[in-house]
Amino acid sequence: MAPFFYFQIVFACLQGYWWFDEVPTHESLFGGVLIVLAGALLMLQRAPAKSTATEQI
């Protein structure tokens, strides 16, 4: 759940760009992408496995 709190960093970069014409650095963009990918990998890893017909019998 914690990686989703880090989305605030991504939205803060976007708001800074829109409101204050602040261009995000390459490091902050790379960090934002890294955080999004880590959150997506956690969601995929913790997704419940699909049951097969043989397991239900």
PDB file of N, CA and C in Angstrom:
ATOM      1  N   MET A   1       0.814  -1.198   0.000  1.00  0.00           N
ATOM      2  CA  MET A   1       0.000   0.000   0.000  1.00  0.00           C
ATOM      3  C   MET A   1       0.856   1.259   0.000  1.00  0.00           C
ATOM      4  N   ALA A   2       2.011   1.188   0.577  1.00  0.00           N
ATOM      5  CA  ALA A   2       2.875   2.362   0.673  1.00  0.00           C
ATOM      6  C   ALA A   2       3.296   2.935  -0.674  1.00  0.00           C
ATOM      7  N   PRO A   3       3.555   2.125  -1.718  1.00  0.00           N
ATOM      8  CA  PRO A   3       3.949   2.747  -2.990  1.00  0.00           C
ATOM      9  C   PRO A   3       2.904   3.696  -3.555  1.00  0.00           C
ATOM     10  N   PHE A   4       1.657   3.488  -3.221  1.00  0.00           N
ATOM     11  CA  PHE A   4       0.614   4.357  -3.758  1.00  0.00           C
ATOM     12  C   PHE A   4       0.618   5.729  -3.090  1.00  0.00           C
ATOM     13  N   PHE A   5       1.163   5.824  -1.887  1.00  0.00           N
ATOM     14  CA  PHE A   5       1.300   7.129  -1.259  1.00  0.00           C
ATOM     15  C   PHE A   5       2.373   7.946  -1.961  1.00  0.00           C
ATOM     16  N   TYR A   6       3.300   7.283  -2.624  1.00  0.00           N
ATOM     17  CA  TYR A   6       4.358   7.978  -3.331  1.00  0.00           C
ATOM     18  C   TYR A   6       3.875   8.583  -4.643  1.00  0.00           C
ATOM     19  N   PHE A   7       2.653   8.289  -5.040  1.00  0.00           N
ATOM     20  CA  PHE A   7       2.100   8.940  -6.221  1.00  0.00           C
ATOM     21  C   PHE A   7       1.976  10.444  -5.992  1.00  0.00           C
ATOM     22  N   GLN A   8       1.982  10.872  -4.746  1.00  0.00           N
ATOM     23  CA  GLN A   8       1.946  12.301  -4.454  1.00  0.00           C
ATOM     24  C   GLN A   8       3.138  13.013  -5.069  1.00  0.00           C
ATOM     25  N   ILE A   9       4.273  12.336  -5.151  1.00  0.00           N
ATOM     26  CA  ILE A   9       5.463  12.929  -5.757  1.00  0.00           C
ATOM     27  C   ILE A   9       5.208  13.190  -7.237  1.00  0.00           C
ATOM     28  N   VAL A  10       4.601  12.235  -7.890  1.00  0.00           N
ATOM     29  CA  VAL A  10       4.317  12.383  -9.322  1.00  0.00           C
ATOM     30  C   VAL A  10       3.340  13.533  -9.541  1.00  0.00           C
ATOM     31  N   PHE A  11       2.277  13.584  -8.750  1.00  0.00           N
ATOM     32  CA  PHE A  11       1.297  14.644  -8.923  1.00  0.00           C
ATOM     33  C   PHE A  11       1.856  16.006  -8.516  1.00  0.00           C
ATOM     34  N   ALA A  12       2.764  16.039  -7.560  1.00  0.00           N
ATOM     35  CA  ALA A  12       3.397  17.304  -7.192  1.00  0.00           C
ATOM     36  C   ALA A  12       4.260  17.831  -8.333  1.00  0.00           C
ATOM     37  N   CYS A  13       4.933  16.940  -9.041  1.00  0.00           N
ATOM     38  CA  CYS A  13       5.717  17.363 -10.210  1.00  0.00           C
ATOM     39  C   CYS A  13       4.808  17.922 -11.296  1.00  0.00           C
ATOM     40  N   LEU A  14       3.679  17.250 -11.523  1.00  0.00           N
ATOM     41  CA  LEU A  14       2.748  17.726 -12.543  1.00  0.00           C
ATOM     42  C   LEU A  14       2.133  19.075 -12.172  1.00  0.00           C
ATOM     43  N   GLN A  15       1.752  19.222 -10.915  1.00  0.00           N
ATOM     44  CA  GLN A  15       1.171  20.484 -10.480  1.00  0.00           C
ATOM     45  C   GLN A  15       2.196  21.616 -10.521  1.00  0.00           C
ATOM     46  N   GLY A  16       3.426  21.314 -10.161  1.00  0.00           N
ATOM     47  CA  GLY A  16       4.479  22.319 -10.250  1.00  0.00           C
ATOM     48  C   GLY A  16       4.702  22.773 -11.677  1.00  0.00           C
ATOM     49  N   TYR A  17       4.588  21.838 -12.606  1.00  0.00           N
ATOM     50  CA  TYR A  17       4.743  22.199 -14.021  1.00  0.00           C
ATOM     51  C   TYR A  17       3.573  23.056 -14.496  1.00  0.00           C
ATOM     52  N   TRP A  18       2.357  22.637 -14.139  1.00  0.00           N
ATOM     53  CA  TRP A  18       1.175  23.369 -14.616  1.00  0.00           C
ATOM     54  C   TRP A  18       1.034  24.739 -13.973  1.00  0.00           C
ATOM     55  N   TRP A  19       1.233  24.818 -12.664  1.00  0.00           N
ATOM     56  CA  TRP A  19       0.957  26.067 -11.959  1.00  0.00           C
ATOM     57  C   TRP A  19       2.135  27.024 -11.932  1.00  0.00           C
ATOM     58  N   PHE A  20       3.347  26.499 -11.820  1.00  0.00           N
ATOM     59  CA  PHE A  20       4.505  27.366 -11.620  1.00  0.00           C
ATOM     60  C   PHE A  20       5.515  27.299 -12.763  1.00  0.00           C
ATOM     61  N   ASP A  21       5.184  26.608 -13.844  1.00  0.00           N
ATOM     62  CA  ASP A  21       6.094  26.433 -14.979  1.00  0.00           C
ATOM     63  C   ASP A  21       7.448  25.885 -14.550  1.00  0.00           C
ATOM     64  N   GLU A  22       7.434  25.001 -13.572  1.00  0.00           N
ATOM     65  CA  GLU A  22       8.636  24.351 -13.071  1.00  0.00           C
ATOM     66  C   GLU A  22       8.836  23.060 -13.867  1.00  0.00           C
ATOM     67  N   VAL A  23       9.943  22.932 -14.534  1.00  0.00           N
ATOM     68  CA  VAL A  23      10.206  21.739 -15.334  1.00  0.00           C
ATOM     69  C   VAL A  23      10.841  20.684 -14.433  1.00  0.00           C
ATOM     70  N   PRO A  24      10.234  19.493 -14.353  1.00  0.00           N
ATOM     71  CA  PRO A  24      10.808  18.436 -13.523  1.00  0.00           C
ATOM     72  C   PRO A  24      12.168  17.993 -14.072  1.00  0.00           C
ATOM     73  N   THR A  25      13.067  17.657 -13.179  1.00  0.00           N
ATOM     74  CA  THR A  25      14.386  17.185 -13.593  1.00  0.00           C
ATOM     75  C   THR A  25      14.285  15.744 -14.080  1.00  0.00           C
ATOM     76  N   HIS A  26      15.335  15.302 -14.732  1.00  0.00           N
ATOM     77  CA  HIS A  26      15.371  13.918 -15.208  1.00  0.00           C
ATOM     78  C   HIS A  26      15.319  12.941 -14.043  1.00  0.00           C
ATOM     79  N   GLU A  27      15.941  13.315 -12.942  1.00  0.00           N
ATOM     80  CA  GLU A  27      15.946  12.439 -11.773  1.00  0.00           C
ATOM     81  C   GLU A  27      14.549  12.273 -11.193  1.00  0.00           C
ATOM     82  N   SER A  28      13.775  13.351 -11.124  1.00  0.00           N
ATOM     83  CA  SER A  28      12.427  13.229 -10.570  1.00  0.00           C
ATOM     84  C   SER A  28      11.505  12.457 -11.516  1.00  0.00           C
ATOM     85  N   LEU A  29      11.688  12.634 -12.817  1.00  0.00           N
ATOM     86  CA  LEU A  29      10.901  11.852 -13.766  1.00  0.00           C
ATOM     87  C   LEU A  29      11.257  10.369 -13.683  1.00  0.00           C
ATOM     88  N   PHE A  30      12.538  10.062 -13.598  1.00  0.00           N
ATOM     89  CA  PHE A  30      12.971   8.676 -13.473  1.00  0.00           C
ATOM     90  C   PHE A  30      12.444   8.068 -12.178  1.00  0.00           C
ATOM     91  N   GLY A  31      12.495   8.823 -11.099  1.00  0.00           N
ATOM     92  CA  GLY A  31      11.971   8.335  -9.824  1.00  0.00           C
ATOM     93  C   GLY A  31      10.483   8.086  -9.869  1.00  0.00           C
ATOM     94  N   GLY A  32       9.742   8.958 -10.525  1.00  0.00           N
ATOM     95  CA  GLY A  32       8.303   8.765 -10.654  1.00  0.00           C
ATOM     96  C   GLY A  32       7.963   7.520 -11.448  1.00  0.00           C
ATOM     97  N   VAL A  33       8.689   7.299 -12.535  1.00  0.00           N
ATOM     98  CA  VAL A  33       8.469   6.097 -13.336  1.00  0.00           C
ATOM     99  C   VAL A  33       8.808   4.852 -12.529  1.00  0.00           C
ATOM    100  N   LEU A  34       9.885   4.925 -11.782  1.00  0.00           N
ATOM    101  CA  LEU A  34      10.292   3.795 -10.947  1.00  0.00           C
ATOM    102  C   LEU A  34       9.235   3.472  -9.897  1.00  0.00           C
ATOM    103  N   ILE A  35       8.655   4.481  -9.302  1.00  0.00           N
ATOM    104  CA  ILE A  35       7.621   4.286  -8.289  1.00  0.00           C
ATOM    105  C   ILE A  35       6.365   3.679  -8.907  1.00  0.00           C
ATOM    106  N   VAL A  36       5.965   4.171 -10.064  1.00  0.00           N
ATOM    107  CA  VAL A  36       4.776   3.640 -10.729  1.00  0.00           C
ATOM    108  C   VAL A  36       4.987   2.174 -11.109  1.00  0.00           C
ATOM    109  N   LEU A  37       6.156   1.847 -11.640  1.00  0.00           N
ATOM    110  CA  LEU A  37       6.433   0.467 -12.010  1.00  0.00           C
ATOM    111  C   LEU A  37       6.482  -0.450 -10.797  1.00  0.00           C
ATOM    112  N   ALA A  38       7.059   0.032  -9.714  1.00  0.00           N
ATOM    113  CA  ALA A  38       7.114  -0.781  -8.500  1.00  0.00           C
ATOM    114  C   ALA A  38       5.708  -1.051  -7.962  1.00  0.00           C
ATOM    115  N   GLY A  39       4.857  -0.055  -7.975  1.00  0.00           N
ATOM    116  CA  GLY A  39       3.477  -0.252  -7.537  1.00  0.00           C
ATOM    117  C   GLY A  39       2.721  -1.216  -8.421  1.00  0.00           C
ATOM    118  N   ALA A  40       2.944  -1.114  -9.729  1.00  0.00           N
ATOM    119  CA  ALA A  40       2.270  -2.028 -10.661  1.00  0.00           C
ATOM    120  C   ALA A  40       2.760  -3.458 -10.471  1.00  0.00           C
ATOM    121  N   LEU A  41       4.056  -3.632 -10.255  1.00  0.00           N
ATOM    122  CA  LEU A  41       4.590  -4.972 -10.021  1.00  0.00           C
ATOM    123  C   LEU A  41       4.050  -5.566  -8.723  1.00  0.00           C
ATOM    124  N   LEU A  42       3.907  -4.746  -7.704  1.00  0.00           N
ATOM    125  CA  LEU A  42       3.332  -5.243  -6.449  1.00  0.00           C
ATOM    126  C   LEU A  42       1.890  -5.679  -6.631  1.00  0.00           C
ATOM    127  N   MET A  43       1.135  -4.915  -7.399  1.00  0.00           N
ATOM    128  CA  MET A  43      -0.259  -5.296  -7.626  1.00  0.00           C
ATOM    129  C   MET A  43      -0.353  -6.597  -8.403  1.00  0.00           C
ATOM    130  N   LEU A  44       0.492  -6.763  -9.407  1.00  0.00           N
ATOM    131  CA  LEU A  44       0.469  -7.989 -10.196  1.00  0.00           C
ATOM    132  C   LEU A  44       0.936  -9.191  -9.382  1.00  0.00           C
ATOM    133  N   GLN A  45       1.901  -8.971  -8.533  1.00  0.00           N
ATOM    134  CA  GLN A  45       2.455 -10.060  -7.737  1.00  0.00           C
ATOM    135  C   GLN A  45       1.467 -10.531  -6.677  1.00  0.00           C
ATOM    136  N   ARG A  46       0.696  -9.631  -6.134  1.00  0.00           N
ATOM    137  CA  ARG A  46      -0.238  -9.973  -5.063  1.00  0.00           C
ATOM    138  C   ARG A  46      -1.636 -10.303  -5.568  1.00  0.00           C
ATOM    139  N   ALA A  47      -1.828 -10.306  -6.859  1.00  0.00           N
ATOM    140  CA  ALA A  47      -3.142 -10.635  -7.420  1.00  0.00           C
ATOM    141  C   ALA A  47      -3.461 -12.099  -7.133  1.00  0.00           C
ATOM    142  N   PRO A  48      -4.707 -12.401  -6.786  1.00  0.00           N
ATOM    143  CA  PRO A  48      -5.057 -13.801  -6.519  1.00  0.00           C
ATOM    144  C   PRO A  48      -4.913 -14.653  -7.784  1.00  0.00           C
ATOM    145  N   ALA A  49      -4.434 -15.837  -7.587  1.00  0.00           N
ATOM    146  CA  ALA A  49      -4.241 -16.752  -8.718  1.00  0.00           C
ATOM    147  C   ALA A  49      -5.592 -17.244  -9.220  1.00  0.00           C
ATOM    148  N   LYS A  50      -5.695 -17.432 -10.517  1.00  0.00           N
ATOM    149  CA  LYS A  50      -6.929 -17.958 -11.088  1.00  0.00           C
ATOM    150  C   LYS A  50      -7.006 -19.453 -10.813  1.00  0.00           C
ATOM    151  N   SER A  51      -8.150 -19.899 -10.400  1.00  0.00           N
ATOM    152  CA  SER A  51      -8.296 -21.324 -10.116  1.00  0.00           C
ATOM    153  C   SER A  51      -8.654 -22.061 -11.394  1.00  0.00           C
ATOM    154  N   THR A  52      -8.195 -23.285 -11.466  1.00  0.00           N
ATOM    155  CA  THR A  52      -8.510 -24.108 -12.636  1.00  0.00           C
ATOM    156  C   THR A  52      -9.667 -25.046 -12.272  1.00  0.00           C
ATOM    157  N   ALA A  53     -10.191 -25.702 -13.272  1.00  0.00           N
ATOM    158  CA  ALA A  53     -11.337 -26.603 -13.050  1.00  0.00           C
ATOM    159  C   ALA A  53     -10.945 -27.780 -12.178  1.00  0.00           C
ATOM    160  N   THR A  54      -9.708 -28.248 -12.243  1.00  0.00           N
ATOM    161  CA  THR A  54      -9.298 -29.403 -11.445  1.00  0.00           C
ATOM    162  C   THR A  54      -9.172 -29.045  -9.973  1.00  0.00           C
ATOM    163  N   GLU A  55      -8.874 -27.785  -9.670  1.00  0.00           N
ATOM    164  CA  GLU A  55      -8.744 -27.381  -8.273  1.00  0.00           C
ATOM    165  C   GLU A  55     -10.109 -27.271  -7.592  1.00  0.00           C
ATOM    166  N   GLN A  56     -11.158 -27.039  -8.330  1.00  0.00           N
ATOM    167  CA  GLN A  56     -12.468 -26.833  -7.746  1.00  0.00           C
ATOM    168  C   GLN A  56     -13.142 -28.147  -7.391  1.00  0.00           C
ATOM    169  N   ILE A  57     -12.692 -29.242  -7.905  1.00  0.00           N
ATOM    170  CA  ILE A  57     -13.350 -30.541  -7.668  1.00  0.00           C
ATOM    171  C   ILE A  57     -13.001 -31.064  -6.319  1.00  0.00           C
TER     172      ILE A  57
END
